[in-house]
Protein backbone atom coordinates (compact mmCIF):
# COMPACT_ATOMS: atom_id res chain seq x y z
CA MET A 1 -4.69 -29.04 -64.63
CA VAL A 2 -5.82 -31.78 -62.10
CA GLN A 3 -3.88 -35.15 -62.01
CA LEU A 4 -6.35 -37.74 -61.29
CA SER A 5 -3.74 -40.14 -61.48
CA SER A 6 -2.78 -38.86 -57.83
CA VAL A 7 -6.27 -39.86 -56.72
CA THR A 8 -6.57 -42.54 -53.83
CA SER A 9 -10.32 -42.54 -52.87
CA ILE A 10 -13.56 -41.42 -54.82
CA LYS A 11 -16.42 -40.28 -52.72
CA LEU A 12 -19.65 -40.92 -54.15
CA PRO A 13 -22.78 -39.47 -52.55
CA PRO A 14 -25.60 -42.04 -52.32
CA SER A 15 -28.13 -40.04 -54.50
CA LEU A 16 -25.33 -39.96 -57.63
CA TRP A 17 -25.17 -43.67 -56.78
CA ASP A 18 -29.03 -43.93 -56.81
CA GLU A 19 -29.17 -41.89 -60.05
CA ILE A 20 -26.51 -44.06 -62.00
CA THR A 21 -28.09 -47.62 -60.67
CA ALA A 22 -31.80 -45.88 -62.00
CA HIS A 23 -30.03 -45.20 -65.16
CA CYS A 24 -28.79 -48.75 -65.43
CA SER A 25 -32.02 -50.20 -64.27
CA ARG A 26 -34.34 -48.18 -66.62
CA LYS A 27 -31.99 -49.12 -69.73
CA MET A 28 -32.10 -52.86 -68.56
CA ALA A 29 -35.99 -52.63 -68.54
CA GLY A 30 -35.81 -51.08 -72.14
CA GLU A 31 -37.30 -48.10 -70.98
CA PHE A 32 -35.92 -45.32 -73.32
CA LEU A 33 -35.99 -41.45 -72.97
CA PRO A 34 -37.01 -39.44 -76.00
CA GLY A 35 -34.11 -39.28 -78.41
CA GLU A 36 -32.41 -42.20 -76.71
CA THR A 37 -30.93 -45.02 -78.54
CA PRO A 38 -32.99 -48.13 -77.94
CA VAL A 39 -29.84 -50.12 -76.46
CA ARG A 40 -30.21 -52.16 -72.84
CA ARG A 41 -26.72 -50.55 -71.84
CA ALA A 42 -26.21 -47.37 -69.86
CA TYR A 43 -23.32 -45.05 -70.54
CA GLY A 44 -22.75 -41.65 -68.73
CA MET A 45 -20.03 -39.59 -67.26
CA ILE A 46 -19.30 -38.76 -63.52
CA ALA A 47 -17.92 -35.41 -62.57
CA GLY A 48 -16.82 -33.63 -59.40
CA HIS A 49 -13.89 -31.81 -57.57
CA VAL A 50 -10.42 -33.27 -56.62
CA ASN A 51 -9.19 -32.17 -53.25
CA ASP A 52 -5.26 -33.51 -52.58
CA GLU A 53 -5.70 -37.36 -53.10
CA ASN A 54 -9.60 -37.23 -52.92
CA ALA A 55 -12.09 -37.01 -55.56
CA PHE A 56 -15.70 -35.91 -54.70
CA ALA A 57 -18.18 -37.02 -57.24
CA ARG A 58 -20.85 -34.28 -57.74
CA LYS A 59 -22.56 -34.78 -61.04
CA VAL A 60 -23.76 -37.83 -63.33
CA ILE A 61 -24.31 -36.96 -66.81
CA ILE A 62 -26.10 -39.69 -68.79
CA PHE A 63 -25.36 -40.18 -72.53
CA LYS A 64 -28.44 -41.02 -74.55
CA LYS A 65 -27.20 -41.41 -78.07
CA ASN A 66 -24.81 -44.49 -79.25
CA ALA A 67 -22.84 -43.55 -82.66
CA ARG A 68 -21.65 -47.46 -82.65
CA GLN A 69 -23.26 -47.64 -85.91
CA VAL A 70 -22.22 -44.31 -87.76
CA GLU A 71 -19.01 -44.20 -89.78
CA PRO A 72 -16.02 -43.93 -89.61
CA LEU A 73 -16.61 -45.16 -85.68
CA LYS A 74 -18.42 -48.24 -86.49
CA SER A 75 -15.24 -49.41 -88.60
CA TYR A 76 -13.04 -48.30 -85.62
CA MET A 77 -15.10 -50.06 -83.03
CA ASP A 78 -15.48 -53.32 -85.44
CA ASP A 79 -11.73 -53.37 -85.71
CA MET A 80 -11.06 -52.91 -81.90
CA MET A 81 -13.96 -55.68 -81.13
CA THR A 82 -12.28 -58.11 -83.44
CA ARG A 83 -8.83 -57.56 -81.93
CA TYR A 84 -9.43 -57.33 -78.29
CA ALA A 85 -13.04 -58.37 -77.42
CA VAL A 86 -13.87 -61.74 -75.40
CA PRO A 87 -16.70 -63.49 -76.81
CA SER A 88 -19.85 -63.14 -75.19
CA LYS A 89 -23.46 -64.28 -75.71
CA THR A 90 -24.04 -60.78 -76.95
CA PRO A 91 -23.18 -60.55 -80.48
CA MET A 92 -19.97 -58.23 -81.29
CA GLU A 93 -22.10 -55.95 -83.75
CA GLN A 94 -24.31 -55.01 -80.57
CA ARG A 95 -21.07 -54.40 -78.05
CA GLY A 96 -18.61 -51.41 -78.23
CA TRP A 97 -20.85 -48.25 -77.59
CA ILE A 98 -19.47 -45.15 -78.75
CA THR A 99 -20.68 -41.76 -76.85
CA ASP A 100 -21.89 -39.62 -79.86
CA PRO A 101 -19.10 -36.76 -80.10
CA GLU A 102 -21.58 -34.03 -80.09
CA GLU A 103 -23.29 -35.25 -76.57
CA LEU A 104 -19.74 -36.18 -75.28
CA MET A 105 -18.54 -32.39 -75.81
CA ALA A 106 -21.72 -31.02 -74.50
CA GLY A 107 -21.05 -32.92 -71.53
CA TYR A 108 -17.64 -31.52 -70.99
CA ALA A 109 -19.12 -27.72 -71.61
CA ILE A 110 -21.62 -28.57 -68.59
CA CYS A 111 -18.67 -29.28 -66.47
CA ASP A 112 -16.29 -26.53 -67.34
CA SER A 113 -19.69 -24.26 -66.91
CA GLU A 114 -20.21 -25.42 -63.23
CA GLY A 115 -16.40 -25.72 -62.36
CA LEU A 116 -16.27 -29.55 -62.34
CA VAL A 117 -13.56 -31.72 -63.29
CA VAL A 118 -14.49 -34.82 -65.61
CA LEU A 119 -13.57 -37.85 -63.40
CA GLY A 120 -14.50 -40.63 -65.78
CA THR A 121 -17.21 -42.59 -67.59
CA TYR A 122 -19.20 -45.46 -66.53
CA HIS A 123 -20.67 -48.13 -68.16
CA MET A 124 -22.51 -51.30 -67.25
CA HIS A 125 -21.56 -54.87 -67.54
CA ILE A 126 -24.62 -57.34 -67.01
CA VAL A 127 -23.45 -60.83 -68.69
CA PRO A 128 -21.25 -62.79 -66.16
CA TRP A 129 -18.65 -64.79 -67.75
CA GLU A 130 -16.84 -68.00 -66.49
CA HIS A 131 -13.57 -66.17 -65.31
CA ASP A 132 -15.27 -62.90 -64.42
CA PRO A 133 -18.57 -64.01 -62.71
CA LEU A 134 -19.05 -60.65 -61.13
CA ARG A 135 -18.09 -58.62 -64.27
CA ASP A 136 -17.24 -55.72 -62.08
CA THR A 137 -13.77 -55.37 -63.66
CA PRO A 138 -12.54 -53.70 -66.96
CA THR A 139 -12.03 -55.99 -69.98
CA ARG A 140 -8.94 -56.04 -72.12
CA LEU A 141 -11.16 -53.76 -74.54
CA ASP A 142 -12.11 -51.71 -71.90
CA THR A 143 -8.40 -51.13 -71.06
CA VAL A 144 -7.38 -50.50 -74.57
CA LEU A 145 -10.08 -48.16 -75.41
CA ALA A 146 -9.24 -45.96 -72.03
CA GLU A 147 -5.57 -46.17 -72.44
CA ASN A 148 -3.90 -42.37 -72.22
CA SER A 149 -7.16 -41.09 -71.20
CA GLU A 150 -6.02 -39.61 -68.00
CA LEU A 151 -10.00 -40.57 -66.60
CA PHE A 152 -11.20 -43.19 -64.45
CA MET A 153 -13.38 -45.82 -65.77
CA PHE A 154 -16.17 -46.89 -63.48
CA ILE A 155 -17.54 -50.07 -63.89
CA ILE A 156 -21.18 -50.74 -62.55
CA SER A 157 -21.60 -54.36 -62.55
CA LEU A 158 -25.44 -55.49 -62.73
CA VAL A 159 -25.21 -59.33 -63.03
CA ASN A 160 -27.21 -59.25 -59.74
CA PRO A 161 -29.42 -56.23 -60.38
CA SER A 162 -30.54 -56.40 -56.60
CA GLU A 163 -26.94 -55.93 -55.50
CA PRO A 164 -24.85 -53.48 -57.90
CA ILE A 165 -21.48 -52.76 -57.71
CA ILE A 166 -19.15 -49.88 -58.84
CA ARG A 167 -15.58 -49.89 -59.29
CA ALA A 168 -13.25 -47.48 -60.55
CA PHE A 169 -10.20 -48.23 -62.72
CA MET A 170 -7.61 -45.53 -63.71
CA GLU A 171 -7.73 -45.55 -67.43
CA GLY A 172 -9.32 -48.93 -67.33
CA ASP A 173 -6.52 -50.63 -65.83
CA PRO A 174 -7.18 -53.59 -63.78
CA ASN A 175 -4.13 -52.97 -61.79
CA ARG A 176 -4.78 -49.27 -61.26
CA GLU A 177 -8.28 -49.58 -59.06
CA VAL A 178 -9.20 -46.55 -56.91
CA PRO A 179 -11.90 -47.54 -54.18
CA VAL A 180 -15.18 -45.80 -54.62
CA VAL A 181 -16.51 -45.09 -51.27
CA LEU A 182 -20.31 -44.12 -50.63
CA GLU A 183 -20.53 -40.85 -48.68
CA GLU A 184 -22.46 -40.87 -45.60
CA SER A 185 -26.11 -39.04 -45.87
CA THR A 186 -26.31 -36.06 -44.25
């Protein structure tokens, strides 16, 4: 089994970065696909290959369905929000996306069928905070939710939509950042 904790660099092709930023921009603009939960937040999965200490992103799978309001997931996330979330201008009940379990499993099945390793999941932050004006780092809630996942959490900061930022953190731990490097176009 691949140990992502030994990865020291994540290579991301510009085409995948464009796909991620287009997904985020589309959601921010309120443009939703058929069957997509109408929430202005983007979530997805990044998969690829691992070679020694380098991970190579090769696929993005967007998540369309937010199970945040479905029990028992709703009660779980309400509790997590109460315990760990920092107050923001976005109401608590609108925060804490939960990927639909069937959609998540379908993403893993795609990766298995294509011989890819799930590197992690991404989500976007758009509201600046006084103590984190770029919002390009995991929150305490992010870290708690990613604990023991053995996956990267990719934070997409769209505080400034014209200059999006991507950063990767093992298990959402701000002290375990691994650089994301845009690959050269060929």
